[in-house]
Amino acid sequence: MSIIKEQTLEELRDLVVNSGPDGLLAIVILIVGLVLANLMTRILYKFLLRYIPKQSTVTIICIIFTLLAAMVVVALACIQLGLSPRPILRLMLIGSFVVIGIILLIGPLMPTLPFKAGQMVRLGEYIGVVESTSLLNTRLRTFDGKVVYVPNRKILDDIIINYHHTETRRIAIDIGIGFFEDLIKAKQVLEEIMIADPRVLPKPSPGTMVLTIGESTIQLGARCWVANENFWVTKCDLTEKIKLRFDFEGISFAFNQLDVHLHTSHDPTGLDDNTAQLCHQSMDRNNAAS
């Protein structure tokens, strides 16, 4: 590998020595031109994504633009060296047509990602905004500031949720109250909290329902619709308001509990000495208390 690098450097040195300032300037034009072409391609890609929904079409346009820009840069470098750019341009033009033809033939058969940069999506266990996509992976910025690179092969094999296509979303808040709490009052309080929030949409109207009756709780569900961009903040605010309002109204939340009832026998016969002694002590305490 080092031998190849040394040979390349020697060839570039000979080119600069033989061509003089023109050769050096041609190399500068080639390097700077290719860097600018790459930068302009990225800017064009982001710009076209705003107006063209199909990502594959934008990719084809950017590839064509990159090839044309590279041809112009190579032509300028050849002219600076005093060479005829026609043979090189013809070769590049043929190669470009071949690449474009392959893309047009194979492009419709290749799987495309159902999102683009700037959209909020759920990719597996991660939720965030798509920053960019490439042939191999997708760069996702989560809401806690992390940058996650997700392989595209994993994305295509998993379920994807794209929140960008929905204008509204439904908020679902489930809470549990005790068996001895006022069920009707709790439902009325939940509806009042949702209706009073200006971010909650009037249609579909907010509603509450009894979801389940468990071993130690009555599970209530509060449902309402909000604009997509207000979903997370509104859900957190409603949860806090429900807690504070329930405390004010004296409605207790249910919690897991276990009641143990101990039945003592008045006939300790048939028990071992220690157990019989404990039974006698318990009966003595009960008689003393009565």
C-alpha atoms as a PDB file:
ATOM      1  CA  MET A   1       0.000   0.000   0.000  1.00  0.00           C
ATOM      2  CA  SER A   2       2.822   2.427   0.878  1.00  0.00           C
ATOM      3  CA  ILE A   3       4.554   1.617  -2.424  1.00  0.00           C
ATOM      4  CA  ILE A   4       1.410   2.574  -4.382  1.00  0.00           C
ATOM      5  CA  LYS A   5       1.144   5.862  -2.461  1.00  0.00           C
ATOM      6  CA  GLU A   6       4.800   6.670  -3.177  1.00  0.00           C
ATOM      7  CA  GLN A   7       4.331   5.955  -6.885  1.00  0.00           C
ATOM      8  CA  THR A   8       1.235   8.186  -6.996  1.00  0.00           C
ATOM      9  CA  LEU A   9       3.072  11.029  -5.279  1.00  0.00           C
ATOM     10  CA  GLU A  10       5.999  10.673  -7.680  1.00  0.00           C
ATOM     11  CA  GLU A  11       3.661  10.806 -10.681  1.00  0.00           C
ATOM     12  CA  LEU A  12       1.987  13.959  -9.324  1.00  0.00           C
ATOM     13  CA  ARG A  13       5.419  15.512  -8.673  1.00  0.00           C
ATOM     14  CA  ASP A  14       6.552  14.737 -12.205  1.00  0.00           C
ATOM     15  CA  LEU A  15       3.307  16.187 -13.589  1.00  0.00           C
ATOM     16  CA  VAL A  16       3.810  19.427 -11.665  1.00  0.00           C
ATOM     17  CA  VAL A  17       7.483  19.659 -12.678  1.00  0.00           C
ATOM     18  CA  ASN A  18       6.805  18.957 -16.351  1.00  0.00           C
ATOM     19  CA  SER A  19       3.685  21.095 -16.618  1.00  0.00           C
ATOM     20  CA  GLY A  20       4.848  23.905 -14.389  1.00  0.00           C
ATOM     21  CA  PRO A  21       2.340  26.302 -12.865  1.00  0.00           C
ATOM     22  CA  ASP A  22      -0.333  25.142 -15.331  1.00  0.00           C
ATOM     23  CA  GLY A  23      -0.222  21.602 -13.952  1.00  0.00           C
ATOM     24  CA  LEU A  24      -0.429  22.807 -10.368  1.00  0.00           C
ATOM     25  CA  LEU A  25      -3.353  25.070 -11.222  1.00  0.00           C
ATOM     26  CA  ALA A  26      -5.109  22.199 -13.022  1.00  0.00           C
ATOM     27  CA  ILE A  27      -4.832  20.017  -9.899  1.00  0.00           C
ATOM     28  CA  VAL A  28      -6.236  22.859  -7.769  1.00  0.00           C
ATOM     29  CA  ILE A  29      -9.126  23.315 -10.217  1.00  0.00           C
ATOM     30  CA  LEU A  30      -9.833  19.568 -10.143  1.00  0.00           C
ATOM     31  CA  ILE A  31      -9.824  19.276  -6.326  1.00  0.00           C
ATOM     32  CA  VAL A  32     -11.719  22.491  -5.617  1.00  0.00           C
ATOM     33  CA  GLY A  33     -14.196  21.802  -8.424  1.00  0.00           C
ATOM     34  CA  LEU A  34     -15.044  18.299  -7.166  1.00  0.00           C
ATOM     35  CA  VAL A  35     -15.467  19.560  -3.588  1.00  0.00           C
ATOM     36  CA  LEU A  36     -17.800  22.326  -4.758  1.00  0.00           C
ATOM     37  CA  ALA A  37     -19.734  19.871  -6.913  1.00  0.00           C
ATOM     38  CA  ASN A  38     -20.245  17.603  -3.896  1.00  0.00           C
ATOM     39  CA  LEU A  39     -21.385  20.556  -1.761  1.00  0.00           C
ATOM     40  CA  MET A  40     -23.798  21.795  -4.439  1.00  0.00           C
ATOM     41  CA  THR A  41     -25.223  18.278  -4.799  1.00  0.00           C
ATOM     42  CA  ARG A  42     -26.045  18.134  -1.092  1.00  0.00           C
ATOM     43  CA  ILE A  43     -27.715  21.545  -1.212  1.00  0.00           C
ATOM     44  CA  LEU A  44     -29.705  20.515  -4.290  1.00  0.00           C
ATOM     45  CA  TYR A  45     -30.762  17.266  -2.612  1.00  0.00           C
ATOM     46  CA  LYS A  46     -32.175  19.046   0.453  1.00  0.00           C
ATOM     47  CA  PHE A  47     -33.880  21.654  -1.734  1.00  0.00           C
ATOM     48  CA  LEU A  48     -35.568  19.131  -4.020  1.00  0.00           C
ATOM     49  CA  LEU A  49     -36.831  17.041  -1.095  1.00  0.00           C
ATOM     50  CA  ARG A  50     -39.104  19.945  -0.128  1.00  0.00           C
ATOM     51  CA  TYR A  51     -40.958  19.844  -3.432  1.00  0.00           C
ATOM     52  CA  ILE A  52     -40.531  16.285  -4.757  1.00  0.00           C
ATOM     53  CA  PRO A  53     -42.028  13.656  -2.404  1.00  0.00           C
ATOM     54  CA  LYS A  54     -40.425  10.676  -4.119  1.00  0.00           C
ATOM     55  CA  GLN A  55     -36.900  10.247  -2.805  1.00  0.00           C
ATOM     56  CA  SER A  56     -35.729   7.997  -5.651  1.00  0.00           C
ATOM     57  CA  THR A  57     -36.494  10.736  -8.204  1.00  0.00           C
ATOM     58  CA  VAL A  58     -34.473  13.258  -6.207  1.00  0.00           C
ATOM     59  CA  THR A  59     -31.559  10.811  -6.004  1.00  0.00           C
ATOM     60  CA  ILE A  60     -31.530  10.303  -9.798  1.00  0.00           C
ATOM     61  CA  ILE A  61     -31.584  14.060 -10.427  1.00  0.00           C
ATOM     62  CA  CYS A  62     -28.691  14.611  -8.014  1.00  0.00           C
ATOM     63  CA  ILE A  63     -26.624  11.823  -9.595  1.00  0.00           C
ATOM     64  CA  ILE A  64     -27.103  13.364 -13.050  1.00  0.00           C
ATOM     65  CA  PHE A  65     -26.149  16.785 -11.673  1.00  0.00           C
ATOM     66  CA  THR A  66     -23.007  15.331 -10.045  1.00  0.00           C
ATOM     67  CA  LEU A  67     -21.909  13.657 -13.276  1.00  0.00           C
ATOM     68  CA  LEU A  68     -22.424  16.829 -15.306  1.00  0.00           C
ATOM     69  CA  ALA A  69     -20.544  18.922 -12.735  1.00  0.00           C
ATOM     70  CA  ALA A  70     -17.658  16.433 -12.717  1.00  0.00           C
ATOM     71  CA  MET A  71     -17.476  16.587 -16.513  1.00  0.00           C
ATOM     72  CA  VAL A  72     -17.256  20.389 -16.415  1.00  0.00           C
ATOM     73  CA  VAL A  73     -14.503  20.296 -13.775  1.00  0.00           C
ATOM     74  CA  VAL A  74     -12.460  17.736 -15.708  1.00  0.00           C
ATOM     75  CA  ALA A  75     -12.862  19.760 -18.908  1.00  0.00           C
ATOM     76  CA  LEU A  76     -11.584  22.922 -17.179  1.00  0.00           C
ATOM     77  CA  ALA A  77      -8.598  21.031 -15.766  1.00  0.00           C
ATOM     78  CA  CYS A  78      -7.721  19.630 -19.214  1.00  0.00           C
ATOM     79  CA  ILE A  79      -7.977  23.055 -20.815  1.00  0.00           C
ATOM     80  CA  GLN A  80      -5.653  24.450 -18.147  1.00  0.00           C
ATOM     81  CA  LEU A  81      -3.106  21.750 -19.009  1.00  0.00           C
ATOM     82  CA  GLY A  82      -3.378  22.572 -22.682  1.00  0.00           C
ATOM     83  CA  LEU A  83      -4.928  19.197 -23.499  1.00  0.00           C
ATOM     84  CA  SER A  84      -7.973  18.518 -25.611  1.00  0.00           C
ATOM     85  CA  PRO A  85     -10.847  17.670 -23.287  1.00  0.00           C
ATOM     86  CA  ARG A  86     -12.899  15.951 -25.994  1.00  0.00           C
ATOM     87  CA  PRO A  87     -11.608  12.352 -25.555  1.00  0.00           C
ATOM     88  CA  ILE A  88     -12.016  12.480 -21.783  1.00  0.00           C
ATOM     89  CA  LEU A  89     -15.442  14.107 -22.036  1.00  0.00           C
ATOM     90  CA  ARG A  90     -16.600  11.508 -24.543  1.00  0.00           C
ATOM     91  CA  LEU A  91     -15.497   8.711 -22.216  1.00  0.00           C
ATOM     92  CA  MET A  92     -17.204  10.355 -19.231  1.00  0.00           C
ATOM     93  CA  LEU A  93     -20.338  10.983 -21.263  1.00  0.00           C
ATOM     94  CA  ILE A  94     -20.559   7.331 -22.259  1.00  0.00           C
ATOM     95  CA  GLY A  95     -20.009   6.252 -18.674  1.00  0.00           C
ATOM     96  CA  SER A  96     -22.662   8.696 -17.485  1.00  0.00           C
ATOM     97  CA  PHE A  97     -25.234   7.336 -19.928  1.00  0.00           C
ATOM     98  CA  VAL A  98     -24.457   3.805 -18.769  1.00  0.00           C
ATOM     99  CA  VAL A  99     -24.847   4.742 -15.079  1.00  0.00           C
ATOM    100  CA  ILE A 100     -28.071   6.671 -15.701  1.00  0.00           C
ATOM    101  CA  GLY A 101     -29.494   3.806 -17.741  1.00  0.00           C
ATOM    102  CA  ILE A 102     -28.738   1.303 -14.994  1.00  0.00           C
ATOM    103  CA  ILE A 103     -30.341   3.574 -12.390  1.00  0.00           C
ATOM    104  CA  LEU A 104     -33.476   4.061 -14.495  1.00  0.00           C
ATOM    105  CA  LEU A 105     -33.809   0.314 -15.041  1.00  0.00           C
ATOM    106  CA  ILE A 106     -33.020  -0.891 -11.524  1.00  0.00           C
ATOM    107  CA  GLY A 107     -34.314   2.129  -9.577  1.00  0.00           C
ATOM    108  CA  PRO A 108     -38.026   1.171  -9.605  1.00  0.00           C
ATOM    109  CA  LEU A 109     -37.108  -2.326  -8.379  1.00  0.00           C
ATOM    110  CA  MET A 110     -35.093  -1.088  -5.394  1.00  0.00           C
ATOM    111  CA  PRO A 111     -36.919  -0.654  -2.046  1.00  0.00           C
ATOM    112  CA  THR A 112     -37.394   2.938  -0.878  1.00  0.00           C
ATOM    113  CA  LEU A 113     -37.649   4.244   2.665  1.00  0.00           C
ATOM    114  CA  PRO A 114     -41.157   5.500   3.600  1.00  0.00           C
ATOM    115  CA  PHE A 115     -39.867   8.805   5.003  1.00  0.00           C
ATOM    116  CA  LYS A 116     -37.535  11.657   4.181  1.00  0.00           C
ATOM    117  CA  ALA A 117     -35.357  14.149   6.010  1.00  0.00           C
ATOM    118  CA  GLY A 118     -37.189  16.409   8.449  1.00  0.00           C
ATOM    119  CA  GLN A 119     -39.971  13.948   9.312  1.00  0.00           C
ATOM    120  CA  MET A 120     -40.647  12.533  12.788  1.00  0.00           C
ATOM    121  CA  VAL A 121     -40.671   8.736  12.789  1.00  0.00           C
ATOM    122  CA  ARG A 122     -40.398   5.720  15.052  1.00  0.00           C
ATOM    123  CA  LEU A 123     -37.718   3.269  13.931  1.00  0.00           C
ATOM    124  CA  GLY A 124     -37.826   0.259  16.216  1.00  0.00           C
ATOM    125  CA  GLU A 125     -37.251   1.518  19.756  1.00  0.00           C
ATOM    126  CA  TYR A 126     -36.147   5.009  18.674  1.00  0.00           C
ATOM    127  CA  ILE A 127     -38.328   8.086  18.080  1.00  0.00           C
ATOM    128  CA  GLY A 128     -36.901  11.233  16.530  1.00  0.00           C
ATOM    129  CA  VAL A 129     -36.466  13.416  13.469  1.00  0.00           C
ATOM    130  CA  VAL A 130     -34.755  12.068  10.352  1.00  0.00           C
ATOM    131  CA  GLU A 131     -31.703  14.182   9.569  1.00  0.00           C
ATOM    132  CA  SER A 132     -30.432  12.370   6.482  1.00  0.00           C
ATOM    133  CA  THR A 133     -30.531   9.082   4.617  1.00  0.00           C
ATOM    134  CA  SER A 134     -27.873   7.258   2.647  1.00  0.00           C
ATOM    135  CA  LEU A 135     -27.581   3.999   0.798  1.00  0.00           C
ATOM    136  CA  LEU A 136     -26.590   2.084   3.942  1.00  0.00           C
ATOM    137  CA  ASN A 137     -28.128   3.851   6.949  1.00  0.00           C
ATOM    138  CA  THR A 138     -30.442   6.572   8.229  1.00  0.00           C
ATOM    139  CA  ARG A 139     -29.335   9.264  10.676  1.00  0.00           C
ATOM    140  CA  LEU A 140     -31.970   9.941  13.348  1.00  0.00           C
ATOM    141  CA  ARG A 141     -31.823  12.619  16.045  1.00  0.00           C
ATOM    142  CA  THR A 142     -33.811  11.608  19.122  1.00  0.00           C
ATOM    143  CA  PHE A 143     -35.573  14.071  21.409  1.00  0.00           C
ATOM    144  CA  ASP A 144     -32.958  13.622  24.130  1.00  0.00           C
ATOM    145  CA  GLY A 145     -30.214  14.856  21.790  1.00  0.00           C
ATOM    146  CA  LYS A 146     -28.718  11.537  20.672  1.00  0.00           C
ATOM    147  CA  VAL A 147     -27.760  10.865  17.051  1.00  0.00           C
ATOM    148  CA  VAL A 148     -28.618   7.290  16.067  1.00  0.00           C
ATOM    149  CA  TYR A 149     -27.511   5.606  12.837  1.00  0.00           C
ATOM    150  CA  VAL A 150     -30.028   2.898  11.935  1.00  0.00           C
ATOM    151  CA  PRO A 151     -29.124   0.401   9.170  1.00  0.00           C
ATOM    152  CA  ASN A 152     -31.589   0.585   6.279  1.00  0.00           C
ATOM    153  CA  ARG A 153     -31.795  -3.210   6.054  1.00  0.00           C
ATOM    154  CA  LYS A 154     -33.077  -3.261   9.645  1.00  0.00           C
ATOM    155  CA  ILE A 155     -35.567  -0.470   8.898  1.00  0.00           C
ATOM    156  CA  LEU A 156     -37.029  -2.298   5.891  1.00  0.00           C
ATOM    157  CA  ASP A 157     -37.490  -5.479   7.958  1.00  0.00           C
ATOM    158  CA  ASP A 158     -39.261  -3.730  10.851  1.00  0.00           C
ATOM    159  CA  ILE A 159     -42.454  -1.753  11.445  1.00  0.00           C
ATOM    160  CA  ILE A 160     -42.098   1.986  10.789  1.00  0.00           C
ATOM    161  CA  ILE A 161     -44.379   4.702  12.155  1.00  0.00           C
ATOM    162  CA  ASN A 162     -44.282   8.007  10.279  1.00  0.00           C
ATOM    163  CA  TYR A 163     -45.959  10.756  12.312  1.00  0.00           C
ATOM    164  CA  HIS A 164     -45.554  13.332   9.534  1.00  0.00           C
ATOM    165  CA  HIS A 165     -48.548  12.144   7.492  1.00  0.00           C
ATOM    166  CA  THR A 166     -51.097  12.597  10.301  1.00  0.00           C
ATOM    167  CA  GLU A 167     -52.417  16.071  11.088  1.00  0.00           C
ATOM    168  CA  THR A 168     -53.989  14.991  14.387  1.00  0.00           C
ATOM    169  CA  ARG A 169     -53.219  12.359  17.007  1.00  0.00           C
ATOM    170  CA  ARG A 170     -55.218  10.811  19.813  1.00  0.00           C
ATOM    171  CA  ILE A 171     -54.043  11.139  23.413  1.00  0.00           C
ATOM    172  CA  ALA A 172     -54.742   8.126  25.614  1.00  0.00           C
ATOM    173  CA  ILE A 173     -54.309   8.457  29.390  1.00  0.00           C
ATOM    174  CA  ASP A 174     -55.210   5.466  31.589  1.00  0.00           C
ATOM    175  CA  ILE A 175     -55.559   5.847  35.363  1.00  0.00           C
ATOM    176  CA  GLY A 176     -56.810   3.635  38.178  1.00  0.00           C
ATOM    177  CA  ILE A 177     -59.057   4.622  41.070  1.00  0.00           C
ATOM    178  CA  GLY A 178     -60.132   2.648  44.135  1.00  0.00           C
ATOM    179  CA  PHE A 179     -63.345   0.665  44.424  1.00  0.00           C
ATOM    180  CA  PHE A 180     -64.840   3.068  46.960  1.00  0.00           C
ATOM    181  CA  GLU A 181     -64.236   6.238  44.921  1.00  0.00           C
ATOM    182  CA  ASP A 182     -67.028   8.125  43.141  1.00  0.00           C
ATOM    183  CA  LEU A 183     -66.849   6.707  39.612  1.00  0.00           C
ATOM    184  CA  ILE A 184     -69.228   9.238  38.009  1.00  0.00           C
ATOM    185  CA  LYS A 185     -67.408  12.164  39.588  1.00  0.00           C
ATOM    186  CA  ALA A 186     -64.026  10.869  38.424  1.00  0.00           C
ATOM    187  CA  LYS A 187     -65.263  10.605  34.816  1.00  0.00           C
ATOM    188  CA  GLN A 188     -66.751  14.098  34.944  1.00  0.00           C
ATOM    189  CA  VAL A 189     -63.488  15.554  36.267  1.00  0.00           C
ATOM    190  CA  LEU A 190     -61.503  13.891  33.470  1.00  0.00           C
ATOM    191  CA  GLU A 191     -63.816  15.295  30.801  1.00  0.00           C
ATOM    192  CA  GLU A 192     -63.717  18.781  32.339  1.00  0.00           C
ATOM    193  CA  ILE A 193     -59.912  18.787  32.322  1.00  0.00           C
ATOM    194  CA  MET A 194     -59.731  17.796  28.650  1.00  0.00           C
ATOM    195  CA  ILE A 195     -62.464  20.188  27.495  1.00  0.00           C
ATOM    196  CA  ALA A 196     -60.867  23.116  29.353  1.00  0.00           C
ATOM    197  CA  ASP A 197     -57.545  22.698  27.532  1.00  0.00           C
ATOM    198  CA  PRO A 198     -57.572  24.882  24.366  1.00  0.00           C
ATOM    199  CA  ARG A 199     -55.245  22.497  22.528  1.00  0.00           C
ATOM    200  CA  VAL A 200     -57.768  19.661  22.703  1.00  0.00           C
ATOM    201  CA  LEU A 201     -59.879  19.529  19.540  1.00  0.00           C
ATOM    202  CA  PRO A 202     -63.672  19.663  19.942  1.00  0.00           C
ATOM    203  CA  LYS A 203     -64.185  17.020  17.246  1.00  0.00           C
ATOM    204  CA  PRO A 204     -63.889  14.143  17.843  1.00  0.00           C
ATOM    205  CA  SER A 205     -65.112  15.145  21.275  1.00  0.00           C
ATOM    206  CA  PRO A 206     -63.141  14.073  24.383  1.00  0.00           C
ATOM    207  CA  GLY A 207     -64.469  11.057  26.218  1.00  0.00           C
ATOM    208  CA  THR A 208     -63.904   8.818  29.208  1.00  0.00           C
ATOM    209  CA  MET A 209     -64.740   5.177  29.740  1.00  0.00           C
ATOM    210  CA  VAL A 210     -64.291   2.338  32.190  1.00  0.00           C
ATOM    211  CA  LEU A 211     -61.663   0.030  30.711  1.00  0.00           C
ATOM    212  CA  THR A 212     -61.390  -2.783  33.247  1.00  0.00           C
ATOM    213  CA  ILE A 213     -62.231  -3.703  36.818  1.00  0.00           C
ATOM    214  CA  GLY A 214     -59.175  -5.366  38.293  1.00  0.00           C
ATOM    215  CA  GLU A 215     -58.338  -6.958  41.611  1.00  0.00           C
ATOM    216  CA  SER A 216     -57.616  -3.659  43.343  1.00  0.00           C
ATOM    217  CA  THR A 217     -58.492  -0.921  40.856  1.00  0.00           C
ATOM    218  CA  ILE A 218     -61.077   0.440  38.453  1.00  0.00           C
ATOM    219  CA  GLN A 219     -59.195   1.403  35.298  1.00  0.00           C
ATOM    220  CA  LEU A 220     -60.444   4.572  33.580  1.00  0.00           C
ATOM    221  CA  GLY A 221     -59.442   5.781  30.129  1.00  0.00           C
ATOM    222  CA  ALA A 222     -59.365   9.400  28.954  1.00  0.00           C
ATOM    223  CA  ARG A 223     -59.277   9.989  25.185  1.00  0.00           C
ATOM    224  CA  CYS A 224     -58.969  13.218  23.206  1.00  0.00           C
ATOM    225  CA  TRP A 225     -57.517  14.481  19.909  1.00  0.00           C
ATOM    226  CA  VAL A 226     -54.905  17.216  19.398  1.00  0.00           C
ATOM    227  CA  ALA A 227     -52.794  18.581  16.570  1.00  0.00           C
ATOM    228  CA  ASN A 228     -49.770  16.446  15.765  1.00  0.00           C
ATOM    229  CA  GLU A 229     -47.243  19.065  16.858  1.00  0.00           C
ATOM    230  CA  ASN A 230     -48.972  19.471  20.255  1.00  0.00           C
ATOM    231  CA  PHE A 231     -49.178  15.779  21.139  1.00  0.00           C
ATOM    232  CA  TRP A 232     -46.341  15.249  23.640  1.00  0.00           C
ATOM    233  CA  VAL A 233     -46.621  18.543  25.515  1.00  0.00           C
ATOM    234  CA  THR A 234     -50.405  18.300  25.796  1.00  0.00           C
ATOM    235  CA  LYS A 235     -50.267  14.713  27.068  1.00  0.00           C
ATOM    236  CA  CYS A 236     -47.773  15.624  29.790  1.00  0.00           C
ATOM    237  CA  ASP A 237     -49.779  18.694  30.814  1.00  0.00           C
ATOM    238  CA  LEU A 238     -53.039  16.754  30.996  1.00  0.00           C
ATOM    239  CA  THR A 239     -51.432  14.056  33.129  1.00  0.00           C
ATOM    240  CA  GLU A 240     -50.198  16.658  35.596  1.00  0.00           C
ATOM    241  CA  LYS A 241     -53.586  18.422  35.686  1.00  0.00           C
ATOM    242  CA  ILE A 242     -55.372  15.126  36.378  1.00  0.00           C
ATOM    243  CA  LYS A 243     -53.114  14.406  39.364  1.00  0.00           C
ATOM    244  CA  LEU A 244     -53.575  17.874  40.865  1.00  0.00           C
ATOM    245  CA  ARG A 245     -57.327  17.971  40.237  1.00  0.00           C
ATOM    246  CA  PHE A 246     -57.894  14.497  41.712  1.00  0.00           C
ATOM    247  CA  ASP A 247     -55.998  15.533  44.834  1.00  0.00           C
ATOM    248  CA  PHE A 248     -58.166  18.637  45.115  1.00  0.00           C
ATOM    249  CA  GLU A 249     -61.397  16.670  44.602  1.00  0.00           C
ATOM    250  CA  GLY A 250     -60.374  13.994  47.095  1.00  0.00           C
ATOM    251  CA  ILE A 251     -60.309  11.192  44.524  1.00  0.00           C
ATOM    252  CA  SER A 252     -57.659   8.630  45.419  1.00  0.00           C
ATOM    253  CA  PHE A 253     -55.631   6.692  42.898  1.00  0.00           C
ATOM    254  CA  ALA A 254     -55.584   2.927  43.287  1.00  0.00           C
ATOM    255  CA  PHE A 255     -52.452   1.063  44.253  1.00  0.00           C
ATOM    256  CA  ASN A 256     -51.643  -2.595  44.518  1.00  0.00           C
ATOM    257  CA  GLN A 257     -52.506  -3.951  47.949  1.00  0.00           C
ATOM    258  CA  LEU A 258     -53.192  -7.280  49.616  1.00  0.00           C
ATOM    259  CA  ASP A 259     -55.529  -7.738  52.607  1.00  0.00           C
ATOM    260  CA  VAL A 260     -54.616 -10.686  54.854  1.00  0.00           C
ATOM    261  CA  HIS A 261     -57.264 -12.020  57.269  1.00  0.00           C
ATOM    262  CA  LEU A 262     -56.059 -14.191  60.156  1.00  0.00           C
ATOM    263  CA  HIS A 263     -58.664 -16.544  61.590  1.00  0.00           C
ATOM    264  CA  THR A 264     -57.661 -17.981  65.015  1.00  0.00           C
ATOM    265  CA  SER A 265     -59.068 -21.279  66.216  1.00  0.00           C
ATOM    266  CA  HIS A 266     -60.693 -21.497  69.702  1.00  0.00           C
ATOM    267  CA  ASP A 267     -59.760 -25.151  69.913  1.00  0.00           C
ATOM    268  CA  PRO A 268     -55.959 -25.408  69.956  1.00  0.00           C
ATOM    269  CA  THR A 269     -56.009 -29.185  70.358  1.00  0.00           C
ATOM    270  CA  GLY A 270     -54.084 -31.144  67.832  1.00  0.00           C
ATOM    271  CA  LEU A 271     -51.431 -28.410  67.488  1.00  0.00           C
ATOM    272  CA  ASP A 272     -47.834 -28.511  68.592  1.00  0.00           C
ATOM    273  CA  ASP A 273     -46.824 -26.832  71.855  1.00  0.00           C
ATOM    274  CA  ASN A 274     -45.489 -23.599  70.318  1.00  0.00           C
ATOM    275  CA  THR A 275     -48.518 -23.083  68.082  1.00  0.00           C
ATOM    276  CA  ALA A 276     -50.939 -23.882  70.915  1.00  0.00           C
ATOM    277  CA  GLN A 277     -49.175 -21.384  73.155  1.00  0.00           C
ATOM    278  CA  LEU A 278     -49.473 -18.665  70.495  1.00  0.00           C
ATOM    279  CA  CYS A 279     -53.174 -19.429  70.100  1.00  0.00           C
ATOM    280  CA  HIS A 280     -53.748 -19.181  73.878  1.00  0.00           C
ATOM    281  CA  GLN A 281     -51.919 -15.834  73.980  1.00  0.00           C
ATOM    282  CA  SER A 282     -54.000 -14.490  71.092  1.00  0.00           C
ATOM    283  CA  MET A 283     -57.276 -15.558  72.750  1.00  0.00           C
ATOM    284  CA  ASP A 284     -56.157 -13.998  76.037  1.00  0.00           C
ATOM    285  CA  ARG A 285     -55.487 -10.674  74.281  1.00  0.00           C
ATOM    286  CA  ASN A 286     -58.869 -10.777  72.541  1.00  0.00           C
ATOM    287  CA  ASN A 287     -60.668 -11.510  75.833  1.00  0.00           C
ATOM    288  CA  ALA A 288     -58.792  -8.716  77.583  1.00  0.00           C
ATOM    289  CA  ALA A 289     -59.675  -6.264  74.833  1.00  0.00           C
ATOM    290  CA  SER A 290     -63.347  -7.222  74.962  1.00  0.00           C
END
